[in-house]
Amino acid sequence: MNALKQQQLAELQRARNALNTAEQQVELALQQLGQVVSAADQQFNSLQQQTSNALSAGSKRTWFIRW
Protein backbone atom coordinates (compact mmCIF):
# COMPACT_ATOMS: atom_id res chain seq x y z
CA MET A 1 0.00 0.00 0.00
CA ASN A 2 1.43 3.34 -0.92
CA ALA A 3 1.89 6.25 1.45
CA LEU A 4 -0.96 8.28 -0.05
CA LYS A 5 -3.44 5.45 0.44
CA GLN A 6 -2.27 4.97 4.05
CA GLN A 7 -2.64 8.69 4.69
CA GLN A 8 -6.16 8.64 3.24
CA LEU A 9 -7.14 5.70 5.43
CA ALA A 10 -5.67 7.38 8.52
CA GLU A 11 -7.63 10.59 7.74
CA LEU A 12 -10.78 8.57 7.20
CA GLN A 13 -10.33 6.88 10.59
CA ARG A 14 -9.75 10.26 12.29
CA ALA A 15 -12.91 11.60 10.65
CA ARG A 16 -14.90 8.57 11.84
CA ASN A 17 -13.56 9.02 15.36
CA ALA A 18 -14.47 12.71 15.32
CA LEU A 19 -17.96 11.85 14.05
CA ASN A 20 -18.44 9.26 16.80
CA THR A 21 -17.33 11.77 19.43
CA ALA A 22 -19.69 14.39 18.04
CA GLU A 23 -22.59 11.91 18.03
CA GLN A 24 -21.91 11.02 21.67
CA GLN A 25 -21.84 14.71 22.61
CA VAL A 26 -25.11 15.33 20.79
CA GLU A 27 -26.73 12.37 22.57
CA LEU A 28 -25.56 13.72 25.94
CA ALA A 29 -26.82 17.21 25.10
CA LEU A 30 -30.22 15.81 24.13
CA GLN A 31 -30.46 13.86 27.38
CA GLN A 32 -29.59 16.96 29.38
CA LEU A 33 -32.08 19.02 27.39
CA GLY A 34 -34.75 16.44 28.18
CA GLN A 35 -33.96 16.78 31.88
CA VAL A 36 -34.20 20.57 31.68
CA VAL A 37 -37.53 20.38 29.85
CA SER A 38 -38.87 17.92 32.41
CA ALA A 39 -37.80 20.13 35.32
CA ALA A 40 -39.30 23.20 33.66
CA ASP A 41 -42.55 21.32 33.05
CA GLN A 42 -42.74 20.30 36.71
CA GLN A 43 -42.05 23.85 37.85
CA PHE A 44 -44.65 25.24 35.45
CA ASN A 45 -47.28 22.78 36.69
CA SER A 46 -46.48 23.64 40.29
CA LEU A 47 -46.72 27.38 39.68
CA GLN A 48 -49.90 26.93 37.69
CA GLN A 49 -51.44 24.99 40.59
CA GLN A 50 -50.34 27.64 43.09
CA THR A 51 -51.85 30.37 40.93
CA SER A 52 -55.07 28.44 40.55
CA ASN A 53 -55.27 27.87 44.30
CA ALA A 54 -54.62 31.55 45.02
CA LEU A 55 -57.26 32.67 42.55
CA SER A 56 -59.74 30.16 43.90
CA ALA A 57 -59.15 31.29 47.48
CA GLY A 58 -59.46 34.93 46.41
CA SER A 59 -62.76 34.39 44.62
CA LYS A 60 -64.15 32.49 47.62
CA ARG A 61 -63.24 35.39 49.88
CA THR A 62 -64.82 37.86 47.46
CA TRP A 63 -67.98 35.76 47.29
CA PHE A 64 -68.12 35.55 51.10
CA ILE A 65 -67.70 39.33 51.49
CA ARG A 66 -70.54 40.04 49.04
CA TRP A 67 -73.00 37.97 51.08
PDB file of N, CA and C in Angstrom:
ATOM      1  N   MET A   1       0.845  -1.172   0.000  1.00  0.00           N
ATOM      2  CA  MET A   1       0.000   0.000   0.000  1.00  0.00           C
ATOM      3  C   MET A   1       0.898   1.245   0.000  1.00  0.00           C
ATOM      4  N   ASN A   2       0.565   2.166  -0.848  1.00  0.00           N
ATOM      5  CA  ASN A   2       1.430   3.336  -0.917  1.00  0.00           C
ATOM      6  C   ASN A   2       1.112   4.328   0.200  1.00  0.00           C
ATOM      7  N   ALA A   3       1.987   5.293   0.343  1.00  0.00           N
ATOM      8  CA  ALA A   3       1.887   6.254   1.445  1.00  0.00           C
ATOM      9  C   ALA A   3       0.615   7.097   1.340  1.00  0.00           C
ATOM     10  N   LEU A   4       0.242   7.465   0.126  1.00  0.00           N
ATOM     11  CA  LEU A   4      -0.957   8.281  -0.050  1.00  0.00           C
ATOM     12  C   LEU A   4      -2.202   7.534   0.417  1.00  0.00           C
ATOM     13  N   LYS A   5      -2.289   6.261   0.037  1.00  0.00           N
ATOM     14  CA  LYS A   5      -3.444   5.453   0.441  1.00  0.00           C
ATOM     15  C   LYS A   5      -3.481   5.300   1.961  1.00  0.00           C
ATOM     16  N   GLN A   6      -2.330   5.097   2.592  1.00  0.00           N
ATOM     17  CA  GLN A   6      -2.270   4.975   4.048  1.00  0.00           C
ATOM     18  C   GLN A   6      -2.696   6.278   4.721  1.00  0.00           C
ATOM     19  N   GLN A   7      -2.265   7.385   4.144  1.00  0.00           N
ATOM     20  CA  GLN A   7      -2.641   8.690   4.692  1.00  0.00           C
ATOM     21  C   GLN A   7      -4.153   8.901   4.570  1.00  0.00           C
ATOM     22  N   GLN A   8      -4.724   8.509   3.432  1.00  0.00           N
ATOM     23  CA  GLN A   8      -6.163   8.639   3.238  1.00  0.00           C
ATOM     24  C   GLN A   8      -6.936   7.795   4.250  1.00  0.00           C
ATOM     25  N   LEU A   9      -6.484   6.575   4.465  1.00  0.00           N
ATOM     26  CA  LEU A   9      -7.140   5.697   5.434  1.00  0.00           C
ATOM     27  C   LEU A   9      -7.033   6.249   6.856  1.00  0.00           C
ATOM     28  N   ALA A  10      -5.863   6.799   7.186  1.00  0.00           N
ATOM     29  CA  ALA A  10      -5.674   7.383   8.517  1.00  0.00           C
ATOM     30  C   ALA A  10      -6.598   8.588   8.692  1.00  0.00           C
ATOM     31  N   GLU A  11      -6.728   9.422   7.669  1.00  0.00           N
ATOM     32  CA  GLU A  11      -7.628  10.587   7.738  1.00  0.00           C
ATOM     33  C   GLU A  11      -9.081  10.139   7.852  1.00  0.00           C
ATOM     34  N   LEU A  12      -9.429   9.103   7.136  1.00  0.00           N
ATOM     35  CA  LEU A  12     -10.785   8.566   7.203  1.00  0.00           C
ATOM     36  C   LEU A  12     -11.090   8.059   8.612  1.00  0.00           C
ATOM     37  N   GLN A  13     -10.138   7.382   9.222  1.00  0.00           N
ATOM     38  CA  GLN A  13     -10.326   6.884  10.586  1.00  0.00           C
ATOM     39  C   GLN A  13     -10.462   8.038  11.570  1.00  0.00           C
ATOM     40  N   ARG A  14      -9.648   9.084  11.417  1.00  0.00           N
ATOM     41  CA  ARG A  14      -9.753  10.255  12.292  1.00  0.00           C
ATOM     42  C   ARG A  14     -11.117  10.923  12.134  1.00  0.00           C
ATOM     43  N   ALA A  15     -11.591  10.989  10.890  1.00  0.00           N
ATOM     44  CA  ALA A  15     -12.905  11.596  10.648  1.00  0.00           C
ATOM     45  C   ALA A  15     -14.008  10.762  11.297  1.00  0.00           C
ATOM     46  N   ARG A  16     -13.905   9.443  11.198  1.00  0.00           N
ATOM     47  CA  ARG A  16     -14.899   8.569  11.840  1.00  0.00           C
ATOM     48  C   ARG A  16     -14.873   8.739  13.353  1.00  0.00           C
ATOM     49  N   ASN A  17     -13.686   8.824  13.914  1.00  0.00           N
ATOM     50  CA  ASN A  17     -13.564   9.021  15.359  1.00  0.00           C
ATOM     51  C   ASN A  17     -14.180  10.353  15.784  1.00  0.00           C
ATOM     52  N   ALA A  18     -13.911  11.394  15.005  1.00  0.00           N
ATOM     53  CA  ALA A  18     -14.471  12.706  15.316  1.00  0.00           C
ATOM     54  C   ALA A  18     -15.998  12.665  15.213  1.00  0.00           C
ATOM     55  N   LEU A  19     -16.514  11.973  14.214  1.00  0.00           N
ATOM     56  CA  LEU A  19     -17.959  11.849  14.050  1.00  0.00           C
ATOM     57  C   LEU A  19     -18.577  11.098  15.237  1.00  0.00           C
ATOM     58  N   ASN A  20     -17.941  10.018  15.651  1.00  0.00           N
ATOM     59  CA  ASN A  20     -18.438   9.255  16.802  1.00  0.00           C
ATOM     60  C   ASN A  20     -18.444  10.110  18.066  1.00  0.00           C
ATOM     61  N   THR A  21     -17.399  10.881  18.266  1.00  0.00           N
ATOM     62  CA  THR A  21     -17.327  11.766  19.429  1.00  0.00           C
ATOM     63  C   THR A  21     -18.442  12.808  19.372  1.00  0.00           C
ATOM     64  N   ALA A  22     -18.643  13.389  18.208  1.00  0.00           N
ATOM     65  CA  ALA A  22     -19.694  14.387  18.043  1.00  0.00           C
ATOM     66  C   ALA A  22     -21.070  13.777  18.295  1.00  0.00           C
ATOM     67  N   GLU A  23     -21.298  12.576  17.808  1.00  0.00           N
ATOM     68  CA  GLU A  23     -22.589  11.911  18.030  1.00  0.00           C
ATOM     69  C   GLU A  23     -22.829  11.656  19.514  1.00  0.00           C
ATOM     70  N   GLN A  24     -21.787  11.259  20.233  1.00  0.00           N
ATOM     71  CA  GLN A  24     -21.912  11.025  21.666  1.00  0.00           C
ATOM     72  C   GLN A  24     -22.229  12.333  22.400  1.00  0.00           C
ATOM     73  N   GLN A  25     -21.591  13.423  21.984  1.00  0.00           N
ATOM     74  CA  GLN A  25     -21.837  14.710  22.608  1.00  0.00           C
ATOM     75  C   GLN A  25     -23.264  15.190  22.336  1.00  0.00           C
ATOM     76  N   VAL A  26     -23.741  14.955  21.122  1.00  0.00           N
ATOM     77  CA  VAL A  26     -25.112  15.334  20.789  1.00  0.00           C
ATOM     78  C   VAL A  26     -26.096  14.518  21.621  1.00  0.00           C
ATOM     79  N   GLU A  27     -25.845  13.231  21.764  1.00  0.00           N
ATOM     80  CA  GLU A  27     -26.729  12.375  22.572  1.00  0.00           C
ATOM     81  C   GLU A  27     -26.771  12.863  24.017  1.00  0.00           C
ATOM     82  N   LEU A  28     -25.617  13.202  24.570  1.00  0.00           N
ATOM     83  CA  LEU A  28     -25.561  13.716  25.943  1.00  0.00           C
ATOM     84  C   LEU A  28     -26.312  15.041  26.055  1.00  0.00           C
ATOM     85  N   ALA A  29     -26.126  15.921  25.088  1.00  0.00           N
ATOM     86  CA  ALA A  29     -26.818  17.210  25.104  1.00  0.00           C
ATOM     87  C   ALA A  29     -28.332  17.011  25.040  1.00  0.00           C
ATOM     88  N   LEU A  30     -28.780  16.073  24.231  1.00  0.00           N
ATOM     89  CA  LEU A  30     -30.220  15.806  24.130  1.00  0.00           C
ATOM     90  C   LEU A  30     -30.777  15.247  25.434  1.00  0.00           C
ATOM     91  N   GLN A  31     -30.024  14.385  26.091  1.00  0.00           N
ATOM     92  CA  GLN A  31     -30.459  13.856  27.383  1.00  0.00           C
ATOM     93  C   GLN A  31     -30.569  14.979  28.409  1.00  0.00           C
ATOM     94  N   GLN A  32     -29.573  15.856  28.428  1.00  0.00           N
ATOM     95  CA  GLN A  32     -29.590  16.962  29.383  1.00  0.00           C
ATOM     96  C   GLN A  32     -30.727  17.931  29.058  1.00  0.00           C
ATOM     97  N   LEU A  33     -30.964  18.159  27.791  1.00  0.00           N
ATOM     98  CA  LEU A  33     -32.078  19.019  27.392  1.00  0.00           C
ATOM     99  C   LEU A  33     -33.407  18.416  27.842  1.00  0.00           C
ATOM    100  N   GLY A  34     -33.543  17.113  27.714  1.00  0.00           N
ATOM    101  CA  GLY A  34     -34.748  16.437  28.182  1.00  0.00           C
ATOM    102  C   GLY A  34     -34.947  16.622  29.672  1.00  0.00           C
ATOM    103  N   GLN A  35     -33.870  16.575  30.432  1.00  0.00           N
ATOM    104  CA  GLN A  35     -33.958  16.777  31.876  1.00  0.00           C
ATOM    105  C   GLN A  35     -34.378  18.207  32.200  1.00  0.00           C
ATOM    106  N   VAL A  36     -33.839  19.171  31.462  1.00  0.00           N
ATOM    107  CA  VAL A  36     -34.204  20.574  31.682  1.00  0.00           C
ATOM    108  C   VAL A  36     -35.676  20.797  31.351  1.00  0.00           C
ATOM    109  N   VAL A  37     -36.123  20.233  30.248  1.00  0.00           N
ATOM    110  CA  VAL A  37     -37.526  20.379  29.847  1.00  0.00           C
ATOM    111  C   VAL A  37     -38.445  19.746  30.889  1.00  0.00           C
ATOM    112  N   SER A  38     -38.067  18.588  31.386  1.00  0.00           N
ATOM    113  CA  SER A  38     -38.866  17.916  32.406  1.00  0.00           C
ATOM    114  C   SER A  38     -38.937  18.751  33.686  1.00  0.00           C
ATOM    115  N   ALA A  39     -37.815  19.296  34.114  1.00  0.00           N
ATOM    116  CA  ALA A  39     -37.798  20.127  35.318  1.00  0.00           C
ATOM    117  C   ALA A  39     -38.632  21.394  35.116  1.00  0.00           C
ATOM    118  N   ALA A  40     -38.519  21.997  33.945  1.00  0.00           N
ATOM    119  CA  ALA A  40     -39.303  23.199  33.658  1.00  0.00           C
ATOM    120  C   ALA A  40     -40.796  22.880  33.639  1.00  0.00           C
ATOM    121  N   ASP A  41     -41.145  21.736  33.096  1.00  0.00           N
ATOM    122  CA  ASP A  41     -42.547  21.321  33.052  1.00  0.00           C
ATOM    123  C   ASP A  41     -43.098  21.130  34.461  1.00  0.00           C
ATOM    124  N   GLN A  42     -42.313  20.492  35.322  1.00  0.00           N
ATOM    125  CA  GLN A  42     -42.738  20.298  36.707  1.00  0.00           C
ATOM    126  C   GLN A  42     -42.902  21.629  37.427  1.00  0.00           C
ATOM    127  N   GLN A  43     -41.964  22.544  37.203  1.00  0.00           N
ATOM    128  CA  GLN A  43     -42.049  23.851  37.850  1.00  0.00           C
ATOM    129  C   GLN A  43     -43.269  24.620  37.326  1.00  0.00           C
ATOM    130  N   PHE A  44     -43.492  24.568  36.029  1.00  0.00           N
ATOM    131  CA  PHE A  44     -44.653  25.244  35.451  1.00  0.00           C
ATOM    132  C   PHE A  44     -45.947  24.709  36.046  1.00  0.00           C
ATOM    133  N   ASN A  45     -46.069  23.384  36.122  1.00  0.00           N
ATOM    134  CA  ASN A  45     -47.278  22.783  36.686  1.00  0.00           C
ATOM    135  C   ASN A  45     -47.481  23.189  38.142  1.00  0.00           C
ATOM    136  N   SER A  46     -46.390  23.233  38.891  1.00  0.00           N
ATOM    137  CA  SER A  46     -46.477  23.637  40.293  1.00  0.00           C
ATOM    138  C   SER A  46     -46.928  25.090  40.406  1.00  0.00           C
ATOM    139  N   LEU A  47     -46.334  25.968  39.626  1.00  0.00           N
ATOM    140  CA  LEU A  47     -46.715  27.379  39.676  1.00  0.00           C
ATOM    141  C   LEU A  47     -48.144  27.594  39.192  1.00  0.00           C
ATOM    142  N   GLN A  48     -48.533  26.831  38.195  1.00  0.00           N
ATOM    143  CA  GLN A  48     -49.899  26.928  37.690  1.00  0.00           C
ATOM    144  C   GLN A  48     -50.893  26.504  38.777  1.00  0.00           C
ATOM    145  N   GLN A  49     -50.575  25.450  39.500  1.00  0.00           N
ATOM    146  CA  GLN A  49     -51.444  24.992  40.589  1.00  0.00           C
ATOM    147  C   GLN A  49     -51.503  26.027  41.709  1.00  0.00           C
ATOM    148  N   GLN A  50     -50.364  26.612  42.052  1.00  0.00           N
ATOM    149  CA  GLN A  50     -50.344  27.638  43.093  1.00  0.00           C
ATOM    150  C   GLN A  50     -51.181  28.845  42.683  1.00  0.00           C
ATOM    151  N   THR A  51     -51.059  29.236  41.432  1.00  0.00           N
ATOM    152  CA  THR A  51     -51.851  30.368  40.930  1.00  0.00           C
ATOM    153  C   THR A  51     -53.335  30.045  40.968  1.00  0.00           C
ATOM    154  N   SER A  52     -53.679  28.858  40.538  1.00  0.00           N
ATOM    155  CA  SER A  52     -55.075  28.437  40.547  1.00  0.00           C
ATOM    156  C   SER A  52     -55.627  28.431  41.971  1.00  0.00           C
ATOM    157  N   ASN A  53     -54.845  27.906  42.890  1.00  0.00           N
ATOM    158  CA  ASN A  53     -55.274  27.871  44.296  1.00  0.00           C
ATOM    159  C   ASN A  53     -55.454  29.281  44.855  1.00  0.00           C
ATOM    160  N   ALA A  54     -54.530  30.173  44.527  1.00  0.00           N
ATOM    161  CA  ALA A  54     -54.618  31.550  45.025  1.00  0.00           C
ATOM    162  C   ALA A  54     -55.842  32.247  44.451  1.00  0.00           C
ATOM    163  N   LEU A  55     -56.087  32.046  43.162  1.00  0.00           N
ATOM    164  CA  LEU A  55     -57.257  32.667  42.548  1.00  0.00           C
ATOM    165  C   LEU A  55     -58.548  32.095  43.112  1.00  0.00           C
ATOM    166  N   SER A  56     -58.560  30.811  43.338  1.00  0.00           N
ATOM    167  CA  SER A  56     -59.739  30.162  43.899  1.00  0.00           C
ATOM    168  C   SER A  56     -60.017  30.681  45.304  1.00  0.00           C
ATOM    169  N   ALA A  57     -58.989  30.786  46.110  1.00  0.00           N
ATOM    170  CA  ALA A  57     -59.148  31.286  47.476  1.00  0.00           C
ATOM    171  C   ALA A  57     -59.606  32.740  47.447  1.00  0.00           C
ATOM    172  N   GLY A  58     -59.068  33.529  46.525  1.00  0.00           N
ATOM    173  CA  GLY A  58     -59.456  34.930  46.412  1.00  0.00           C
ATOM    174  C   GLY A  58     -60.903  35.081  45.994  1.00  0.00           C
ATOM    175  N   SER A  59     -61.362  34.267  45.069  1.00  0.00           N
ATOM    176  CA  SER A  59     -62.755  34.390  44.623  1.00  0.00           C
ATOM    177  C   SER A  59     -63.710  33.907  45.710  1.00  0.00           C
ATOM    178  N   LYS A  60     -63.304  32.934  46.505  1.00  0.00           N
ATOM    179  CA  LYS A  60     -64.150  32.485  47.618  1.00  0.00           C
ATOM    180  C   LYS A  60     -64.287  33.589  48.654  1.00  0.00           C
ATOM    181  N   ARG A  61     -63.186  34.293  48.923  1.00  0.00           N
ATOM    182  CA  ARG A  61     -63.238  35.394  49.883  1.00  0.00           C
ATOM    183  C   ARG A  61     -64.127  36.511  49.351  1.00  0.00           C
ATOM    184  N   THR A  62     -64.001  36.807  48.069  1.00  0.00           N
ATOM    185  CA  THR A  62     -64.820  37.855  47.461  1.00  0.00           C
ATOM    186  C   THR A  62     -66.291  37.465  47.528  1.00  0.00           C
ATOM    187  N   TRP A  63     -66.601  36.238  47.239  1.00  0.00           N
ATOM    188  CA  TRP A  63     -67.978  35.756  47.290  1.00  0.00           C
ATOM    189  C   TRP A  63     -68.523  35.872  48.716  1.00  0.00           C
ATOM    190  N   PHE A  64     -67.706  35.493  49.704  1.00  0.00           N
ATOM    191  CA  PHE A  64     -68.125  35.550  51.098  1.00  0.00           C
ATOM    192  C   PHE A  64     -68.385  36.995  51.544  1.00  0.00           C
ATOM    193  N   ILE A  65     -67.553  37.931  51.102  1.00  0.00           N
ATOM    194  CA  ILE A  65     -67.700  39.326  51.486  1.00  0.00           C
ATOM    195  C   ILE A  65     -68.984  39.919  50.895  1.00  0.00           C
ATOM    196  N   ARG A  66     -69.338  39.526  49.689  1.00  0.00           N
ATOM    197  CA  ARG A  66     -70.542  40.038  49.038  1.00  0.00           C
ATOM    198  C   ARG A  66     -71.806  39.624  49.797  1.00  0.00           C
ATOM    199  N   TRP A  67     -71.797  38.469  50.408  1.00  0.00           N
ATOM    200  CA  TRP A  67     -73.000  37.972  51.082  1.00  0.00           C
ATOM    201  C   TRP A  67     -72.944  38.408  52.495  1.00  0.00           C
TER     202      TRP A  67
END
